[in-house]
């Protein structure tokens, strides 16, 4: 089960490893040079490789070397990679520490598998994922065991 959860969330880490160009569309874009960030607002859609991110707002923060330091998505965040979909109210990527956060009512689907929690933190360098419960809700995991070539469930 631990490996299944990791596979479900692995594609959410792709943004940290991608060297491919990223295309971002939005209704408006504001660059605040002195504050070193760009704000994309309104029907934001970011595409790179076979990944898509949708949100109402996307903040892209730069460091003093004008490299991306942090990305924050807010409002109806939806991440899609192949057959994996994740939703949350907020997502944040700390580029320097290679940590990805999905926050507030997180839900992840992969085929018949499902994961739900208040927050998911993905530590990409440490190959570790933490899912925390909400105030009045526990972490929920539903997974369908894979079948082997004989049609038997592959459960340890």
N, C-alpha and C. Protein backbone atom coordinates (compact mmCIF):
# COMPACT_ATOMS: atom_id res chain seq x y z
N UNK A 1 0.83 -1.19 0.00
CA UNK A 1 0.00 0.00 0.00
C UNK A 1 0.87 1.25 0.00
N UNK A 2 1.98 1.21 0.73
CA UNK A 2 2.87 2.36 0.79
C UNK A 2 3.37 2.71 -0.61
N UNK A 3 3.75 1.69 -1.39
CA UNK A 3 4.22 1.93 -2.75
C UNK A 3 3.11 2.48 -3.63
N UNK A 4 1.88 2.00 -3.45
CA UNK A 4 0.74 2.49 -4.24
C UNK A 4 0.53 3.98 -3.99
N UNK A 5 0.56 4.40 -2.71
CA UNK A 5 0.39 5.81 -2.39
C UNK A 5 1.49 6.65 -3.01
N UNK A 6 2.71 6.13 -2.96
CA UNK A 6 3.81 6.87 -3.54
C UNK A 6 3.62 7.04 -5.04
N UNK A 7 3.17 5.99 -5.72
CA UNK A 7 2.94 6.08 -7.16
C UNK A 7 1.83 7.07 -7.49
N UNK A 8 0.80 7.11 -6.65
CA UNK A 8 -0.29 8.06 -6.88
C UNK A 8 0.22 9.49 -6.83
N UNK A 9 1.13 9.77 -5.90
CA UNK A 9 1.60 11.14 -5.70
C UNK A 9 2.86 11.47 -6.48
N UNK A 10 3.54 10.48 -7.00
CA UNK A 10 4.81 10.70 -7.66
C UNK A 10 4.71 11.72 -8.78
N UNK A 11 3.67 11.65 -9.57
CA UNK A 11 3.58 12.56 -10.71
C UNK A 11 3.37 14.00 -10.28
N UNK A 12 2.92 14.21 -9.05
CA UNK A 12 2.77 15.59 -8.57
C UNK A 12 4.13 16.24 -8.34
N UNK A 13 5.18 15.43 -8.29
CA UNK A 13 6.52 15.95 -8.07
C UNK A 13 7.22 16.29 -9.38
N UNK A 14 6.61 16.02 -10.50
CA UNK A 14 7.25 16.21 -11.80
C UNK A 14 7.72 17.65 -11.99
N UNK A 15 6.99 18.60 -11.44
CA UNK A 15 7.36 20.00 -11.62
C UNK A 15 8.77 20.27 -11.12
N UNK A 16 9.21 19.53 -10.10
CA UNK A 16 10.55 19.75 -9.56
C UNK A 16 11.64 19.24 -10.48
N UNK A 17 11.33 18.27 -11.31
CA UNK A 17 12.35 17.66 -12.15
C UNK A 17 12.27 18.11 -13.61
N UNK A 18 11.27 18.88 -13.95
CA UNK A 18 11.04 19.21 -15.34
C UNK A 18 12.00 20.31 -15.82
N UNK A 19 12.67 20.04 -16.94
CA UNK A 19 13.48 21.05 -17.59
C UNK A 19 12.81 21.52 -18.87
N UNK A 20 11.62 21.03 -19.12
CA UNK A 20 10.88 21.38 -20.32
C UNK A 20 10.25 22.76 -20.16
N UNK A 21 9.94 23.43 -21.26
CA UNK A 21 9.27 24.73 -21.18
C UNK A 21 7.89 24.60 -20.55
N UNK A 22 7.50 25.63 -19.85
CA UNK A 22 6.19 25.67 -19.21
C UNK A 22 5.38 26.77 -19.89
N UNK A 23 4.18 26.42 -20.34
CA UNK A 23 3.28 27.39 -20.96
C UNK A 23 2.22 27.76 -19.92
N UNK A 24 2.06 29.06 -19.65
CA UNK A 24 1.07 29.54 -18.69
C UNK A 24 0.12 30.49 -19.40
N UNK A 25 -1.18 30.23 -19.24
CA UNK A 25 -2.22 31.10 -19.78
C UNK A 25 -3.04 31.64 -18.62
N UNK A 26 -3.48 32.88 -18.72
CA UNK A 26 -4.35 33.47 -17.71
C UNK A 26 -5.06 34.68 -18.31
N UNK A 27 -6.06 35.18 -17.59
CA UNK A 27 -6.76 36.38 -18.05
C UNK A 27 -5.89 37.61 -17.90
N UNK A 28 -5.08 37.66 -16.82
CA UNK A 28 -4.19 38.80 -16.61
C UNK A 28 -2.85 38.32 -16.06
N UNK A 29 -1.84 39.14 -16.26
CA UNK A 29 -0.52 38.90 -15.72
C UNK A 29 0.02 40.23 -15.21
N UNK A 30 0.51 40.21 -13.98
CA UNK A 30 1.17 41.40 -13.42
C UNK A 30 2.55 40.97 -12.92
N UNK A 31 3.57 41.74 -13.31
CA UNK A 31 4.92 41.50 -12.82
C UNK A 31 5.28 42.64 -11.88
N UNK A 32 5.63 42.30 -10.66
CA UNK A 32 6.03 43.29 -9.68
C UNK A 32 7.53 43.13 -9.45
N UNK A 33 8.32 43.84 -10.25
CA UNK A 33 9.76 43.69 -10.26
C UNK A 33 10.43 43.94 -8.94
N UNK A 34 10.01 44.99 -8.24
CA UNK A 34 10.66 45.29 -6.96
C UNK A 34 10.34 44.24 -5.90
N UNK A 35 9.20 43.56 -6.04
CA UNK A 35 8.84 42.48 -5.09
C UNK A 35 9.24 41.12 -5.64
N UNK A 36 9.74 41.10 -6.86
CA UNK A 36 10.26 39.89 -7.51
C UNK A 36 9.24 38.76 -7.62
N UNK A 37 8.04 39.09 -8.09
CA UNK A 37 7.09 38.02 -8.38
C UNK A 37 6.15 38.42 -9.50
N UNK A 38 5.61 37.38 -10.13
CA UNK A 38 4.59 37.55 -11.16
C UNK A 38 3.30 36.97 -10.63
N UNK A 39 2.19 37.60 -10.96
CA UNK A 39 0.88 37.12 -10.54
C UNK A 39 0.03 36.89 -11.78
N UNK A 40 -0.33 35.62 -11.99
CA UNK A 40 -1.24 35.24 -13.06
C UNK A 40 -2.61 35.09 -12.42
N UNK A 41 -3.64 35.74 -13.00
CA UNK A 41 -4.99 35.67 -12.41
C UNK A 41 -6.03 35.36 -13.47
N UNK A 42 -7.05 34.62 -13.02
CA UNK A 42 -8.19 34.33 -13.88
C UNK A 42 -7.98 33.16 -14.80
N UNK A 43 -8.64 32.06 -14.50
CA UNK A 43 -8.57 30.85 -15.35
C UNK A 43 -7.13 30.48 -15.71
N UNK A 44 -6.28 30.40 -14.70
CA UNK A 44 -4.88 30.09 -14.93
C UNK A 44 -4.74 28.62 -15.35
N UNK A 45 -3.94 28.41 -16.39
CA UNK A 45 -3.65 27.06 -16.86
C UNK A 45 -2.17 26.99 -17.19
N UNK A 46 -1.46 26.09 -16.52
CA UNK A 46 -0.04 25.88 -16.80
C UNK A 46 0.12 24.48 -17.38
N UNK A 47 0.90 24.38 -18.46
CA UNK A 47 1.13 23.09 -19.10
C UNK A 47 2.63 22.88 -19.27
N UNK A 48 3.09 21.69 -18.96
CA UNK A 48 4.47 21.30 -19.21
C UNK A 48 4.49 19.78 -19.33
N UNK A 49 5.23 19.31 -20.32
CA UNK A 49 5.24 17.89 -20.65
C UNK A 49 3.79 17.40 -20.71
N UNK A 50 3.43 16.36 -19.97
CA UNK A 50 2.05 15.88 -19.97
C UNK A 50 1.33 16.24 -18.67
N UNK A 51 1.71 17.38 -18.09
CA UNK A 51 1.11 17.86 -16.84
C UNK A 51 0.32 19.13 -17.08
N UNK A 52 -0.75 19.28 -16.31
CA UNK A 52 -1.54 20.50 -16.37
C UNK A 52 -1.87 20.94 -14.94
N UNK A 53 -1.81 22.25 -14.72
CA UNK A 53 -2.21 22.82 -13.44
C UNK A 53 -3.22 23.92 -13.73
N UNK A 54 -4.35 23.87 -13.04
CA UNK A 54 -5.38 24.89 -13.16
C UNK A 54 -5.56 25.56 -11.79
N UNK A 55 -5.81 26.87 -11.79
CA UNK A 55 -6.10 27.58 -10.54
C UNK A 55 -6.68 28.94 -10.88
N UNK A 56 -7.15 29.62 -9.84
CA UNK A 56 -7.65 30.98 -10.04
C UNK A 56 -6.50 31.98 -10.05
N UNK A 57 -5.47 31.71 -9.22
CA UNK A 57 -4.29 32.58 -9.16
C UNK A 57 -3.03 31.73 -9.09
N UNK A 58 -1.96 32.24 -9.70
CA UNK A 58 -0.65 31.61 -9.58
C UNK A 58 0.38 32.71 -9.35
N UNK A 59 1.10 32.58 -8.24
CA UNK A 59 2.18 33.49 -7.91
C UNK A 59 3.50 32.78 -8.22
N UNK A 60 4.39 33.44 -8.95
CA UNK A 60 5.71 32.89 -9.24
C UNK A 60 6.73 33.86 -8.66
N UNK A 61 7.41 33.43 -7.58
CA UNK A 61 8.38 34.26 -6.88
C UNK A 61 9.79 33.96 -7.37
N UNK A 62 10.59 35.00 -7.53
CA UNK A 62 11.96 34.87 -8.00
C UNK A 62 12.93 35.21 -6.86
N UNK A 63 14.13 34.61 -6.92
CA UNK A 63 15.16 34.97 -5.94
C UNK A 63 16.01 36.10 -6.50
N UNK A 64 17.08 36.46 -5.80
CA UNK A 64 17.94 37.57 -6.23
C UNK A 64 18.67 37.28 -7.54
N UNK A 65 18.79 36.00 -7.89
CA UNK A 65 19.43 35.61 -9.16
C UNK A 65 18.41 35.48 -10.29
N UNK A 66 17.18 35.93 -10.03
CA UNK A 66 16.08 35.86 -11.00
C UNK A 66 15.76 34.43 -11.43
N UNK A 67 15.90 33.50 -10.51
CA UNK A 67 15.47 32.12 -10.72
C UNK A 67 14.24 31.87 -9.87
N UNK A 68 13.39 30.96 -10.33
CA UNK A 68 12.16 30.68 -9.59
C UNK A 68 12.50 30.12 -8.21
N UNK A 69 11.93 30.74 -7.19
CA UNK A 69 12.17 30.37 -5.80
C UNK A 69 10.99 29.61 -5.21
N UNK A 70 9.78 30.06 -5.60
CA UNK A 70 8.56 29.48 -5.03
C UNK A 70 7.41 29.74 -5.99
N UNK A 71 6.49 28.76 -6.05
CA UNK A 71 5.27 28.90 -6.85
C UNK A 71 4.10 28.60 -5.93
N UNK A 72 3.11 29.48 -5.94
CA UNK A 72 1.91 29.27 -5.13
C UNK A 72 0.70 29.37 -6.04
N UNK A 73 -0.17 28.37 -5.97
CA UNK A 73 -1.44 28.36 -6.71
C UNK A 73 -2.57 28.44 -5.68
N UNK A 74 -3.55 29.28 -5.95
CA UNK A 74 -4.68 29.45 -5.04
C UNK A 74 -6.00 29.38 -5.79
N UNK A 75 -7.00 28.82 -5.12
CA UNK A 75 -8.35 28.82 -5.65
C UNK A 75 -8.61 27.72 -6.65
N UNK A 76 -9.38 26.73 -6.23
CA UNK A 76 -9.78 25.62 -7.11
C UNK A 76 -8.60 25.03 -7.87
N UNK A 77 -7.57 24.67 -7.14
CA UNK A 77 -6.37 24.09 -7.74
C UNK A 77 -6.67 22.67 -8.22
N UNK A 78 -6.25 22.39 -9.43
CA UNK A 78 -6.43 21.05 -10.00
C UNK A 78 -5.15 20.71 -10.75
N UNK A 79 -4.56 19.56 -10.43
CA UNK A 79 -3.35 19.08 -11.08
C UNK A 79 -3.68 17.79 -11.80
N UNK A 80 -3.26 17.68 -13.06
CA UNK A 80 -3.54 16.48 -13.86
C UNK A 80 -2.24 15.99 -14.47
N UNK A 81 -1.99 14.69 -14.32
CA UNK A 81 -0.86 14.03 -14.96
C UNK A 81 -1.34 12.65 -15.38
N UNK A 82 -1.44 12.44 -16.69
CA UNK A 82 -1.93 11.16 -17.21
C UNK A 82 -3.26 10.80 -16.53
N UNK A 83 -3.30 9.69 -15.80
CA UNK A 83 -4.54 9.24 -15.18
C UNK A 83 -4.64 9.64 -13.70
N UNK A 84 -3.81 10.59 -13.28
CA UNK A 84 -3.84 11.06 -11.90
C UNK A 84 -4.38 12.48 -11.87
N UNK A 85 -5.35 12.72 -10.99
CA UNK A 85 -5.92 14.05 -10.80
C UNK A 85 -5.90 14.37 -9.31
N UNK A 86 -5.46 15.58 -8.98
CA UNK A 86 -5.47 16.03 -7.59
C UNK A 86 -6.16 17.38 -7.53
N UNK A 87 -6.93 17.59 -6.47
CA UNK A 87 -7.57 18.88 -6.26
C UNK A 87 -7.25 19.37 -4.85
N UNK A 88 -7.20 20.68 -4.69
CA UNK A 88 -6.95 21.31 -3.39
C UNK A 88 -7.35 22.78 -3.52
N UNK A 89 -7.41 23.46 -2.40
CA UNK A 89 -7.69 24.89 -2.44
C UNK A 89 -6.42 25.68 -2.68
N UNK A 90 -5.26 25.06 -2.32
CA UNK A 90 -3.98 25.75 -2.47
C UNK A 90 -2.87 24.74 -2.70
N UNK A 91 -1.90 25.12 -3.51
CA UNK A 91 -0.70 24.30 -3.73
C UNK A 91 0.50 25.21 -3.68
N UNK A 92 1.59 24.71 -3.13
CA UNK A 92 2.80 25.51 -3.03
C UNK A 92 4.01 24.62 -3.33
N UNK A 93 4.94 25.16 -4.09
CA UNK A 93 6.16 24.44 -4.40
C UNK A 93 7.35 25.27 -3.97
N UNK A 94 8.13 24.75 -3.03
CA UNK A 94 9.35 25.38 -2.55
C UNK A 94 10.49 24.82 -3.38
N UNK A 95 10.96 25.59 -4.34
CA UNK A 95 11.95 25.11 -5.30
C UNK A 95 13.28 24.78 -4.63
N UNK A 96 13.75 25.65 -3.74
CA UNK A 96 15.06 25.45 -3.11
C UNK A 96 15.12 24.17 -2.28
N UNK A 97 14.06 23.86 -1.58
CA UNK A 97 14.04 22.68 -0.72
C UNK A 97 13.39 21.48 -1.40
N UNK A 98 12.86 21.70 -2.61
CA UNK A 98 12.22 20.62 -3.37
C UNK A 98 11.07 19.98 -2.58
N UNK A 99 10.24 20.83 -2.00
CA UNK A 99 9.09 20.37 -1.23
C UNK A 99 7.82 20.90 -1.88
N UNK A 100 6.86 20.00 -2.07
CA UNK A 100 5.59 20.34 -2.70
C UNK A 100 4.47 20.16 -1.68
N UNK A 101 3.63 21.17 -1.52
CA UNK A 101 2.53 21.14 -0.57
C UNK A 101 1.19 21.22 -1.31
N UNK A 102 0.26 20.36 -0.96
CA UNK A 102 -1.13 20.49 -1.39
C UNK A 102 -1.91 20.75 -0.11
N UNK A 103 -2.72 21.81 -0.10
CA UNK A 103 -3.33 22.28 1.15
C UNK A 103 -4.83 22.45 1.04
N UNK A 104 -5.50 22.16 2.13
CA UNK A 104 -6.93 22.44 2.31
C UNK A 104 -7.83 21.57 1.42
N UNK A 105 -8.30 20.48 2.00
CA UNK A 105 -9.24 19.61 1.31
C UNK A 105 -8.66 18.91 0.11
N UNK A 106 -7.53 18.26 0.28
CA UNK A 106 -6.82 17.62 -0.82
C UNK A 106 -7.49 16.28 -1.17
N UNK A 107 -7.68 16.05 -2.47
CA UNK A 107 -8.22 14.79 -2.97
C UNK A 107 -7.39 14.37 -4.17
N UNK A 108 -6.99 13.08 -4.20
CA UNK A 108 -6.18 12.56 -5.29
C UNK A 108 -6.83 11.28 -5.81
N UNK A 109 -6.98 11.19 -7.16
CA UNK A 109 -7.54 10.00 -7.80
C UNK A 109 -6.53 9.44 -8.79
N UNK A 110 -6.43 8.13 -8.82
CA UNK A 110 -5.71 7.43 -9.88
C UNK A 110 -6.49 6.16 -10.18
N UNK A 111 -7.14 6.13 -11.32
CA UNK A 111 -8.02 5.02 -11.67
C UNK A 111 -9.00 4.78 -10.53
N UNK A 112 -8.99 3.57 -9.94
CA UNK A 112 -9.92 3.25 -8.85
C UNK A 112 -9.36 3.60 -7.47
N UNK A 113 -8.17 4.19 -7.41
CA UNK A 113 -7.53 4.51 -6.14
C UNK A 113 -7.84 5.96 -5.76
N UNK A 114 -7.91 6.20 -4.45
CA UNK A 114 -8.33 7.51 -3.95
C UNK A 114 -7.60 7.81 -2.65
N UNK A 115 -7.22 9.07 -2.48
CA UNK A 115 -6.56 9.53 -1.26
C UNK A 115 -7.14 10.90 -0.90
N UNK A 116 -7.43 11.09 0.38
CA UNK A 116 -8.00 12.35 0.83
C UNK A 116 -7.38 12.74 2.15
N UNK A 117 -7.03 14.01 2.29
CA UNK A 117 -6.48 14.54 3.53
C UNK A 117 -6.55 16.05 3.52
N UNK A 118 -6.22 16.65 4.62
CA UNK A 118 -6.24 18.11 4.69
C UNK A 118 -4.98 18.70 4.05
N UNK A 119 -3.86 18.00 4.21
CA UNK A 119 -2.60 18.47 3.63
C UNK A 119 -1.75 17.28 3.22
N UNK A 120 -1.13 17.42 2.05
CA UNK A 120 -0.15 16.45 1.59
C UNK A 120 1.15 17.21 1.39
N UNK A 121 2.21 16.72 2.01
CA UNK A 121 3.53 17.31 1.85
C UNK A 121 4.42 16.26 1.19
N UNK A 122 5.05 16.65 0.08
CA UNK A 122 5.90 15.74 -0.68
C UNK A 122 7.34 16.25 -0.59
N UNK A 123 8.18 15.48 0.09
CA UNK A 123 9.59 15.79 0.23
C UNK A 123 10.33 15.02 -0.87
N UNK A 124 10.56 15.67 -1.99
CA UNK A 124 11.07 14.95 -3.15
C UNK A 124 12.50 14.45 -2.94
N UNK A 125 13.34 15.21 -2.28
CA UNK A 125 14.72 14.77 -2.06
C UNK A 125 14.78 13.56 -1.13
N UNK A 126 13.91 13.52 -0.15
CA UNK A 126 13.91 12.44 0.83
C UNK A 126 13.02 11.26 0.41
N UNK A 127 12.34 11.40 -0.74
CA UNK A 127 11.45 10.34 -1.21
C UNK A 127 10.41 9.99 -0.15
N UNK A 128 9.82 11.03 0.44
CA UNK A 128 8.89 10.86 1.56
C UNK A 128 7.63 11.70 1.33
N UNK A 129 6.49 11.15 1.72
CA UNK A 129 5.21 11.84 1.60
C UNK A 129 4.49 11.77 2.94
N UNK A 130 3.90 12.88 3.36
CA UNK A 130 3.11 12.91 4.59
C UNK A 130 1.71 13.42 4.26
N UNK A 131 0.71 12.74 4.79
CA UNK A 131 -0.68 13.16 4.62
C UNK A 131 -1.23 13.41 6.01
N UNK A 132 -1.81 14.59 6.24
CA UNK A 132 -2.36 14.91 7.55
C UNK A 132 -3.87 15.08 7.47
N UNK A 133 -4.50 14.81 8.58
CA UNK A 133 -5.96 14.88 8.66
C UNK A 133 -6.42 16.31 8.87
N UNK A 134 -7.70 16.51 8.67
CA UNK A 134 -8.31 17.80 8.92
C UNK A 134 -8.81 17.88 10.35
N UNK A 135 -9.40 19.00 10.68
CA UNK A 135 -9.89 19.24 12.04
C UNK A 135 -10.91 18.18 12.48
N UNK A 136 -11.88 17.91 11.65
CA UNK A 136 -12.93 16.94 11.99
C UNK A 136 -12.95 15.75 11.05
N UNK A 137 -11.85 15.52 10.36
CA UNK A 137 -11.82 14.47 9.35
C UNK A 137 -10.49 13.74 9.41
N UNK A 138 -10.53 12.45 9.15
CA UNK A 138 -9.31 11.66 9.13
C UNK A 138 -8.84 11.47 7.71
N UNK A 139 -7.62 10.99 7.55
CA UNK A 139 -7.09 10.66 6.23
C UNK A 139 -7.85 9.45 5.69
N UNK A 140 -8.21 9.50 4.42
CA UNK A 140 -8.94 8.41 3.78
C UNK A 140 -8.12 7.88 2.61
N UNK A 141 -7.95 6.57 2.53
CA UNK A 141 -7.28 5.94 1.41
C UNK A 141 -8.14 4.78 0.94
N UNK A 142 -8.41 4.75 -0.35
CA UNK A 142 -9.11 3.62 -0.96
C UNK A 142 -8.24 3.17 -2.12
N UNK A 143 -7.82 1.92 -2.09
CA UNK A 143 -7.03 1.44 -3.21
C UNK A 143 -7.49 0.07 -3.65
N UNK A 144 -7.40 -0.13 -4.93
CA UNK A 144 -7.78 -1.41 -5.52
C UNK A 144 -6.49 -2.17 -5.80
N UNK A 145 -6.32 -3.33 -5.19
CA UNK A 145 -5.10 -4.12 -5.45
C UNK A 145 -4.99 -4.46 -6.92
N UNK A 146 -3.76 -4.48 -7.39
CA UNK A 146 -3.52 -4.85 -8.78
C UNK A 146 -3.66 -6.36 -8.93
N UNK A 147 -4.11 -6.78 -10.10
CA UNK A 147 -4.26 -8.20 -10.38
C UNK A 147 -3.02 -8.71 -11.10
N UNK A 148 -2.63 -9.95 -10.78
CA UNK A 148 -1.51 -10.54 -11.51
C UNK A 148 -2.00 -11.16 -12.80
N UNK A 149 -1.13 -11.87 -13.52
CA UNK A 149 -1.53 -12.43 -14.81
C UNK A 149 -2.63 -13.46 -14.73
N UNK A 150 -2.84 -14.05 -13.55
CA UNK A 150 -3.90 -15.05 -13.37
C UNK A 150 -5.22 -14.43 -12.91
N UNK A 151 -5.26 -13.11 -12.83
CA UNK A 151 -6.48 -12.43 -12.40
C UNK A 151 -6.65 -12.40 -10.89
N UNK A 152 -5.61 -12.78 -10.15
CA UNK A 152 -5.67 -12.78 -8.68
C UNK A 152 -5.21 -11.41 -8.17
N UNK A 153 -5.82 -10.98 -7.05
CA UNK A 153 -5.40 -9.75 -6.43
C UNK A 153 -4.00 -9.92 -5.88
N UNK A 154 -3.19 -8.92 -6.09
CA UNK A 154 -1.79 -8.95 -5.70
C UNK A 154 -1.63 -8.21 -4.37
N UNK A 155 -2.14 -8.81 -3.29
CA UNK A 155 -2.09 -8.19 -1.96
C UNK A 155 -1.10 -8.98 -1.11
N UNK A 156 -0.13 -8.29 -0.48
CA UNK A 156 0.84 -9.01 0.36
C UNK A 156 0.19 -9.60 1.59
